[in-house]
PDB file of N, CA and C in Angstrom:
ATOM      1  N   MET A   1     158.259 145.552 243.036  1.00  0.00           N
ATOM      2  CA  MET A   1     157.315 145.971 244.096  1.00  0.00           C
ATOM      3  C   MET A   1     158.205 147.131 244.572  1.00  0.00           C
ATOM      4  N   VAL A   2     157.832 148.405 244.168  1.00  0.00           N
ATOM      5  CA  VAL A   2     158.209 149.982 245.046  1.00  0.00           C
ATOM      6  C   VAL A   2     157.846 149.725 246.361  1.00  0.00           C
ATOM      7  N   ASP A   3     159.214 149.895 246.997  1.00  0.00           N
ATOM      8  CA  ASP A   3     158.849 150.318 248.557  1.00  0.00           C
ATOM      9  C   ASP A   3     157.992 151.969 248.797  1.00  0.00           C
ATOM     10  N   LYS A   4     157.157 151.538 248.868  1.00  0.00           N
ATOM     11  CA  LYS A   4     156.265 152.747 249.295  1.00  0.00           C
ATOM     12  C   LYS A   4     156.837 153.520 250.436  1.00  0.00           C
ATOM     13  N   SER A   5     158.308 153.364 251.447  1.00  0.00           N
ATOM     14  CA  SER A   5     158.946 154.385 252.129  1.00  0.00           C
ATOM     15  C   SER A   5     159.782 155.600 251.485  1.00  0.00           C
ATOM     16  N   GLU A   6     159.901 154.845 250.271  1.00  0.00           N
ATOM     17  CA  GLU A   6     160.626 156.034 249.316  1.00  0.00           C
ATOM     18  C   GLU A   6     159.909 156.981 248.998  1.00  0.00           C
ATOM     19  N   ILE A   7     158.351 157.072 249.299  1.00  0.00           N
ATOM     20  CA  ILE A   7     157.785 158.099 248.276  1.00  0.00           C
ATOM     21  C   ILE A   7     157.895 158.867 249.101  1.00  0.00           C
ATOM     22  N   ARG A   8     158.163 160.420 248.828  1.00  0.00           N
ATOM     23  CA  ARG A   8     158.443 161.545 250.114  1.00  0.00           C
ATOM     24  C   ARG A   8     157.432 162.429 249.616  1.00  0.00           C
ATOM     25  N   GLU A   9     156.925 163.485 250.579  1.00  0.00           N
ATOM     26  CA  GLU A   9     156.267 163.832 250.917  1.00  0.00           C
ATOM     27  C   GLU A   9     156.504 165.262 249.809  1.00  0.00           C
ATOM     28  N   HIS A  10     155.657 165.628 248.696  1.00  0.00           N
ATOM     29  CA  HIS A  10     156.032 166.962 247.731  1.00  0.00           C
ATOM     30  C   HIS A  10     156.509 166.420 246.561  1.00  0.00           C
ATOM     31  N   ALA A  11     156.522 165.353 246.150  1.00  0.00           N
ATOM     32  CA  ALA A  11     157.364 164.500 245.248  1.00  0.00           C
ATOM     33  C   ALA A  11     156.267 164.364 244.001  1.00  0.00           C
ATOM     34  N   GLU A  12     157.265 164.502 242.662  1.00  0.00           N
ATOM     35  CA  GLU A  12     155.888 164.705 241.466  1.00  0.00           C
ATOM     36  C   GLU A  12     155.743 163.805 241.287  1.00  0.00           C
ATOM     37  N   ILE A  13     154.630 163.254 240.946  1.00  0.00           N
ATOM     38  CA  ILE A  13     154.217 162.450 240.370  1.00  0.00           C
ATOM     39  C   ILE A  13     153.903 161.957 238.730  1.00  0.00           C
ATOM     40  N   ILE A  14     154.587 161.573 238.053  1.00  0.00           N
ATOM     41  CA  ILE A  14     153.981 161.558 236.429  1.00  0.00           C
ATOM     42  C   ILE A  14     153.745 160.213 235.988  1.00  0.00           C
ATOM     43  N   GLY A  15     153.088 160.401 234.973  1.00  0.00           N
ATOM     44  CA  GLY A  15     152.775 159.200 234.001  1.00  0.00           C
ATOM     45  C   GLY A  15     153.738 158.725 233.415  1.00  0.00           C
ATOM     46  N   ALA A  16     153.264 157.366 232.931  1.00  0.00           N
ATOM     47  CA  ALA A  16     154.255 156.571 231.888  1.00  0.00           C
ATOM     48  C   ALA A  16     154.738 157.625 230.850  1.00  0.00           C
ATOM     49  N   ASP A  17     153.984 158.570 230.308  1.00  0.00           N
ATOM     50  CA  ASP A  17     154.452 159.474 229.110  1.00  0.00           C
ATOM     51  C   ASP A  17     155.258 160.525 229.516  1.00  0.00           C
ATOM     52  N   GLY A  18     155.323 160.737 230.873  1.00  0.00           N
ATOM     53  CA  GLY A  18     155.965 162.355 231.743  1.00  0.00           C
ATOM     54  C   GLY A  18     154.822 163.165 231.920  1.00  0.00           C
ATOM     55  N   VAL A  19     153.848 162.992 231.644  1.00  0.00           N
ATOM     56  CA  VAL A  19     152.880 164.183 231.860  1.00  0.00           C
ATOM     57  C   VAL A  19     152.746 164.018 233.743  1.00  0.00           C
ATOM     58  N   HIS A  20     152.667 165.500 233.999  1.00  0.00           N
ATOM     59  CA  HIS A  20     152.411 166.011 235.365  1.00  0.00           C
ATOM     60  C   HIS A  20     150.849 164.918 235.873  1.00  0.00           C
ATOM     61  N   VAL A  21     151.098 164.310 236.905  1.00  0.00           N
ATOM     62  CA  VAL A  21     149.583 164.001 237.238  1.00  0.00           C
ATOM     63  C   VAL A  21     149.087 164.801 238.785  1.00  0.00           C
ATOM     64  N   GLY A  22     150.475 164.983 239.984  1.00  0.00           N
ATOM     65  CA  GLY A  22     149.894 165.606 240.583  1.00  0.00           C
ATOM     66  C   GLY A  22     151.508 165.607 241.658  1.00  0.00           C
ATOM     67  N   THR A  23     150.803 165.796 242.985  1.00  0.00           N
ATOM     68  CA  THR A  23     152.036 166.172 243.910  1.00  0.00           C
ATOM     69  C   THR A  23     151.970 165.243 245.343  1.00  0.00           C
ATOM     70  N   VAL A  24     152.753 164.832 245.439  1.00  0.00           N
ATOM     71  CA  VAL A  24     152.315 163.667 246.604  1.00  0.00           C
ATOM     72  C   VAL A  24     152.053 164.640 248.360  1.00  0.00           C
ATOM     73  N   ASP A  25     150.887 164.446 248.792  1.00  0.00           N
ATOM     74  CA  ASP A  25     151.065 164.974 250.543  1.00  0.00           C
ATOM     75  C   ASP A  25     150.862 164.007 251.090  1.00  0.00           C
ATOM     76  N   ARG A  26     151.593 162.464 250.940  1.00  0.00           N
ATOM     77  CA  ARG A  26     151.456 161.583 252.098  1.00  0.00           C
ATOM     78  C   ARG A  26     150.809 159.926 251.638  1.00  0.00           C
ATOM     79  N   VAL A  27     151.516 159.279 251.782  1.00  0.00           N
ATOM     80  CA  VAL A  27     150.963 157.651 251.557  1.00  0.00           C
ATOM     81  C   VAL A  27     150.033 157.016 252.549  1.00  0.00           C
ATOM     82  N   GLU A  28     148.851 157.180 252.259  1.00  0.00           N
ATOM     83  CA  GLU A  28     147.852 156.325 253.619  1.00  0.00           C
ATOM     84  C   GLU A  28     147.670 154.925 252.745  1.00  0.00           C
ATOM     85  N   GLY A  29     148.414 153.532 253.434  1.00  0.00           N
ATOM     86  CA  GLY A  29     147.869 152.404 253.193  1.00  0.00           C
ATOM     87  C   GLY A  29     148.327 152.129 251.631  1.00  0.00           C
ATOM     88  N   ASP A  30     147.484 151.628 251.325  1.00  0.00           N
ATOM     89  CA  ASP A  30     147.779 151.276 250.011  1.00  0.00           C
ATOM     90  C   ASP A  30     147.514 152.540 248.654  1.00  0.00           C
ATOM     91  N   ARG A  31     147.166 153.916 249.255  1.00  0.00           N
ATOM     92  CA  ARG A  31     147.150 154.809 247.822  1.00  0.00           C
ATOM     93  C   ARG A  31     148.269 155.750 248.474  1.00  0.00           C
ATOM     94  N   ILE A  32     148.325 156.812 247.574  1.00  0.00           N
ATOM     95  CA  ILE A  32     149.093 157.787 247.441  1.00  0.00           C
ATOM     96  C   ILE A  32     148.150 159.273 247.653  1.00  0.00           C
ATOM     97  N   LYS A  33     147.720 160.059 248.362  1.00  0.00           N
ATOM     98  CA  LYS A  33     147.224 161.407 248.808  1.00  0.00           C
ATOM     99  C   LYS A  33     147.414 162.145 248.006  1.00  0.00           C
ATOM    100  N   LEU A  34     147.255 162.747 246.721  1.00  0.00           N
ATOM    101  CA  LEU A  34     147.660 164.092 246.471  1.00  0.00           C
ATOM    102  C   LEU A  34     146.904 165.312 246.908  1.00  0.00           C
ATOM    103  N   THR A  35     147.986 166.362 246.718  1.00  0.00           N
ATOM    104  CA  THR A  35     147.825 167.482 247.737  1.00  0.00           C
ATOM    105  C   THR A  35     146.486 168.368 246.645  1.00  0.00           C
ATOM    106  N   LYS A  36     145.810 168.900 247.956  1.00  0.00           N
ATOM    107  CA  LYS A  36     144.506 169.795 247.230  1.00  0.00           C
ATOM    108  C   LYS A  36     144.618 170.472 246.176  1.00  0.00           C
ATOM    109  N   LYS A  37     145.819 170.777 245.801  1.00  0.00           N
ATOM    110  CA  LYS A  37     146.092 172.007 244.610  1.00  0.00           C
ATOM    111  C   LYS A  37     146.051 170.915 242.909  1.00  0.00           C
ATOM    112  N   ASP A  38     146.515 169.483 243.941  1.00  0.00           N
ATOM    113  CA  ASP A  38     145.972 168.717 242.408  1.00  0.00           C
ATOM    114  C   ASP A  38     144.592 168.387 242.015  1.00  0.00           C
ATOM    115  N   SER A  39     143.608 169.101 242.770  1.00  0.00           N
ATOM    116  CA  SER A  39     142.245 168.296 243.326  1.00  0.00           C
ATOM    117  C   SER A  39     141.496 168.605 242.075  1.00  0.00           C
ATOM    118  N   GLY A  40     141.764 169.330 240.750  1.00  0.00           N
ATOM    119  CA  GLY A  40     140.940 169.658 239.892  1.00  0.00           C
ATOM    120  C   GLY A  40     139.997 170.619 239.862  1.00  0.00           C
ATOM    121  N   GLU A  41     139.064 171.142 238.986  1.00  0.00           N
ATOM    122  CA  GLU A  41     138.353 171.896 238.882  1.00  0.00           C
ATOM    123  C   GLU A  41     136.301 171.765 239.227  1.00  0.00           C
ATOM    124  N   GLY A  42     135.783 172.270 239.725  1.00  0.00           N
ATOM    125  CA  GLY A  42     134.246 172.354 239.727  1.00  0.00           C
ATOM    126  C   GLY A  42     134.159 171.245 241.004  1.00  0.00           C
ATOM    127  N   SER A  43     133.343 170.449 240.774  1.00  0.00           N
ATOM    128  CA  SER A  43     132.900 169.225 242.349  1.00  0.00           C
ATOM    129  C   SER A  43     133.972 169.190 242.903  1.00  0.00           C
ATOM    130  N   HIS A  44     135.439 168.657 241.922  1.00  0.00           N
ATOM    131  CA  HIS A  44     136.401 168.033 242.600  1.00  0.00           C
ATOM    132  C   HIS A  44     137.763 169.030 243.536  1.00  0.00           C
ATOM    133  N   ARG A  45     137.154 170.554 243.395  1.00  0.00           N
ATOM    134  CA  ARG A  45     138.375 171.297 244.035  1.00  0.00           C
ATOM    135  C   ARG A  45     138.040 171.203 245.601  1.00  0.00           C
ATOM    136  N   GLY A  46     139.143 171.373 245.849  1.00  0.00           N
ATOM    137  CA  GLY A  46     139.225 171.497 247.289  1.00  0.00           C
ATOM    138  C   GLY A  46     138.994 170.530 248.196  1.00  0.00           C
ATOM    139  N   HIS A  47     139.425 169.277 247.941  1.00  0.00           N
ATOM    140  CA  HIS A  47     139.219 167.847 248.539  1.00  0.00           C
ATOM    141  C   HIS A  47     140.519 166.844 248.045  1.00  0.00           C
ATOM    142  N   HIS A  48     141.221 165.963 248.562  1.00  0.00           N
ATOM    143  CA  HIS A  48     141.952 165.422 248.468  1.00  0.00           C
ATOM    144  C   HIS A  48     141.567 164.032 247.191  1.00  0.00           C
ATOM    145  N   HIS A  49     142.624 164.022 246.203  1.00  0.00           N
ATOM    146  CA  HIS A  49     142.492 163.051 245.748  1.00  0.00           C
ATOM    147  C   HIS A  49     143.408 161.562 245.551  1.00  0.00           C
ATOM    148  N   PHE A  50     143.564 160.036 245.466  1.00  0.00           N
ATOM    149  CA  PHE A  50     144.560 159.833 245.629  1.00  0.00           C
ATOM    150  C   PHE A  50     144.891 158.698 244.470  1.00  0.00           C
ATOM    151  N   VAL A  51     145.555 158.603 244.213  1.00  0.00           N
ATOM    152  CA  VAL A  51     146.552 156.804 243.546  1.00  0.00           C
ATOM    153  C   VAL A  51     146.829 156.453 243.850  1.00  0.00           C
ATOM    154  N   PRO A  52     146.485 155.146 243.615  1.00  0.00           N
ATOM    155  CA  PRO A  52     146.641 153.576 243.931  1.00  0.00           C
ATOM    156  C   PRO A  52     148.220 152.824 244.056  1.00  0.00           C
ATOM    157  N   MET A  53     148.512 152.816 244.772  1.00  0.00           N
ATOM    158  CA  MET A  53     150.085 152.465 244.818  1.00  0.00           C
ATOM    159  C   MET A  53     150.461 151.271 243.631  1.00  0.00           C
ATOM    160  N   ALA A  54     149.513 150.646 243.488  1.00  0.00           N
ATOM    161  CA  ALA A  54     149.501 149.464 242.507  1.00  0.00           C
ATOM    162  C   ALA A  54     149.521 149.939 240.810  1.00  0.00           C
ATOM    163  N   LEU A  55     149.745 151.475 240.938  1.00  0.00           N
ATOM    164  CA  LEU A  55     149.898 151.892 239.293  1.00  0.00           C
ATOM    165  C   LEU A  55     151.415 152.608 239.633  1.00  0.00           C
ATOM    166  N   VAL A  56     152.082 152.166 240.397  1.00  0.00           N
ATOM    167  CA  VAL A  56     153.151 152.736 240.684  1.00  0.00           C
ATOM    168  C   VAL A  56     154.193 152.106 239.941  1.00  0.00           C
ATOM    169  N   ALA A  57     155.237 152.186 239.258  1.00  0.00           N
ATOM    170  CA  ALA A  57     156.269 151.832 238.581  1.00  0.00           C
ATOM    171  C   ALA A  57     157.330 151.745 239.113  1.00  0.00           C
ATOM    172  N   GLU A  58     158.204 153.346 239.269  1.00  0.00           N
ATOM    173  CA  GLU A  58     159.398 153.349 240.284  1.00  0.00           C
ATOM    174  C   GLU A  58     158.981 154.482 240.484  1.00  0.00           C
ATOM    175  N   ILE A  59     160.317 154.588 241.525  1.00  0.00           N
ATOM    176  CA  ILE A  59     160.577 156.057 242.435  1.00  0.00           C
ATOM    177  C   ILE A  59     161.821 156.280 242.047  1.00  0.00           C
ATOM    178  N   GLU A  60     162.526 157.289 240.728  1.00  0.00           N
ATOM    179  CA  GLU A  60     163.554 157.665 240.506  1.00  0.00           C
ATOM    180  C   GLU A  60     163.773 159.151 240.346  1.00  0.00           C
ATOM    181  N   GLY A  61     164.549 159.864 241.417  1.00  0.00           N
ATOM    182  CA  GLY A  61     165.542 161.040 241.722  1.00  0.00           C
ATOM    183  C   GLY A  61     164.212 161.735 242.685  1.00  0.00           C
ATOM    184  N   GLY A  62     163.588 160.991 243.734  1.00  0.00           N
ATOM    185  CA  GLY A  62     162.371 161.082 244.202  1.00  0.00           C
ATOM    186  C   GLY A  62     161.401 161.420 243.356  1.00  0.00           C
ATOM    187  N   THR A  63     161.122 161.178 242.247  1.00  0.00           N
ATOM    188  CA  THR A  63     160.042 161.339 241.343  1.00  0.00           C
ATOM    189  C   THR A  63     159.278 159.649 241.714  1.00  0.00           C
ATOM    190  N   VAL A  64     158.175 160.252 241.337  1.00  0.00           N
ATOM    191  CA  VAL A  64     156.745 158.541 241.574  1.00  0.00           C
ATOM    192  C   VAL A  64     156.672 158.274 240.206  1.00  0.00           C
ATOM    193  N   ARG A  65     156.840 157.294 239.178  1.00  0.00           N
ATOM    194  CA  ARG A  65     156.680 157.186 238.140  1.00  0.00           C
ATOM    195  C   ARG A  65     155.377 156.034 237.735  1.00  0.00           C
ATOM    196  N   LEU A  66     154.465 156.692 237.344  1.00  0.00           N
ATOM    197  CA  LEU A  66     153.398 155.589 237.394  1.00  0.00           C
ATOM    198  C   LEU A  66     153.790 154.553 235.975  1.00  0.00           C
ATOM    199  N   SER A  67     152.841 153.706 235.848  1.00  0.00           N
ATOM    200  CA  SER A  67     152.858 152.192 234.654  1.00  0.00           C
ATOM    201  C   SER A  67     152.122 152.891 233.524  1.00  0.00           C
ATOM    202  N   ALA A  68     151.370 153.926 234.149  1.00  0.00           N
ATOM    203  CA  ALA A  68     150.286 154.297 232.826  1.00  0.00           C
ATOM    204  C   ALA A  68     150.104 155.867 232.655  1.00  0.00           C
ATOM    205  N   ASN A  69     149.809 156.351 231.212  1.00  0.00           N
ATOM    206  CA  ASN A  69     149.846 157.911 230.576  1.00  0.00           C
ATOM    207  C   ASN A  69     149.181 158.255 231.658  1.00  0.00           C
ATOM    208  N   ALA A  70     149.433 159.245 232.476  1.00  0.00           N
ATOM    209  CA  ALA A  70     148.530 160.454 233.076  1.00  0.00           C
ATOM    210  C   ALA A  70     147.243 160.867 233.122  1.00  0.00           C
ATOM    211  N   ASN A  71     146.698 160.365 231.824  1.00  0.00           N
ATOM    212  CA  ASN A  71     145.337 160.938 231.522  1.00  0.00           C
ATOM    213  C   ASN A  71     144.316 159.054 231.865  1.00  0.00           C
ATOM    214  N   VAL A  72     145.110 158.048 231.857  1.00  0.00           N
ATOM    215  CA  VAL A  72     144.756 156.721 232.073  1.00  0.00           C
ATOM    216  C   VAL A  72     144.736 156.755 233.696  1.00  0.00           C
ATOM    217  N   ALA A  73     145.729 157.506 233.638  1.00  0.00           N
ATOM    218  CA  ALA A  73     145.960 157.554 235.605  1.00  0.00           C
ATOM    219  C   ALA A  73     144.932 158.105 236.351  1.00  0.00           C
ATOM    220  N   VAL A  74     144.425 159.445 235.966  1.00  0.00           N
ATOM    221  CA  VAL A  74     143.317 160.178 236.400  1.00  0.00           C
ATOM    222  C   VAL A  74     142.114 159.158 236.505  1.00  0.00           C
ATOM    223  N   GLY A  75     141.634 158.890 235.467  1.00  0.00           N
ATOM    224  CA  GLY A  75     140.740 157.752 236.110  1.00  0.00           C
ATOM    225  C   GLY A  75     140.657 156.898 236.640  1.00  0.00           C
ATOM    226  N   PHE A  76     141.434 156.711 237.509  1.00  0.00           N
ATOM    227  CA  PHE A  76     141.967 155.089 238.415  1.00  0.00           C
ATOM    228  C   PHE A  76     142.282 156.619 239.712  1.00  0.00           C
ATOM    229  N   GLU A  77     142.302 157.755 239.866  1.00  0.00           N
ATOM    230  CA  GLU A  77     141.953 158.180 241.037  1.00  0.00           C
ATOM    231  C   GLU A  77     141.045 158.422 241.662  1.00  0.00           C
ATOM    232  N   GLU A  78     141.004 157.930 243.118  1.00  0.00           N
ATOM    233  CA  GLU A  78     139.676 158.302 243.947  1.00  0.00           C
ATOM    234  C   GLU A  78     139.613 159.080 245.142  1.00  0.00           C
ATOM    235  N   GLU A  79     138.265 159.830 245.001  1.00  0.00           N
ATOM    236  CA  GLU A  79     138.174 161.167 245.779  1.00  0.00           C
ATOM    237  C   GLU A  79     138.338 160.513 247.051  1.00  0.00           C
ATOM    238  N   GLU A  80     138.381 161.999 248.442  1.00  0.00           N
ATOM    239  CA  GLU A  80     138.349 161.405 249.133  1.00  0.00           C
ATOM    240  C   GLU A  80     136.966 161.955 249.556  1.00  0.00           C
ATOM    241  N   ASP A  81     136.091 160.800 250.720  1.00  0.00           N
ATOM    242  CA  ASP A  81     134.539 160.671 250.929  1.00  0.00           C
ATOM    243  C   ASP A  81     134.517 161.754 251.658  1.00  0.00           C
ATOM    244  N   HIS A  82     133.660 162.397 251.621  1.00  0.00           N
ATOM    245  CA  HIS A  82     133.110 163.358 252.346  1.00  0.00           C
ATOM    246  C   HIS A  82     131.707 163.596 252.967  1.00  0.00           C
ATOM    247  N   ARG A  83     130.934 161.955 253.247  1.00  0.00           N
ATOM    248  CA  ARG A  83     129.799 161.908 253.481  1.00  0.00           C
ATOM    249  C   ARG A  83     129.967 161.894 254.986  1.00  0.00           C
ATOM    250  N   PRO A  84     128.702 162.548 255.540  1.00  0.00           N
ATOM    251  CA  PRO A  84     128.314 161.787 256.830  1.00  0.00           C
ATOM    252  C   PRO A  84     128.578 160.503 257.024  1.00  0.00           C
ATOM    253  N   MET A  85     128.616 159.729 258.117  1.00  0.00           N
ATOM    254  CA  MET A  85     128.478 158.608 258.274  1.00  0.00           C
ATOM    255  C   MET A  85     127.606 158.641 259.395  1.00  0.00           C
TER     256      MET A  85
END
């Protein structure tokens, strides 16, 4: 199990295949919030996405390595909900 306190702001997140997934904005509960610049295009643009902590395999040299390849990890990303309550 990974100690989430080791995850630092602006750390790179890479998939098991070595492909860039995103950049850490901060850890919120059991999710890693990605910076807005990693939010994608179209309807995804301009808001944060999150990666579940369950996908983190290790933290190596300040880099967050996931247990899934980048293309699979992106499918697990959650979007920040902007709907009014």
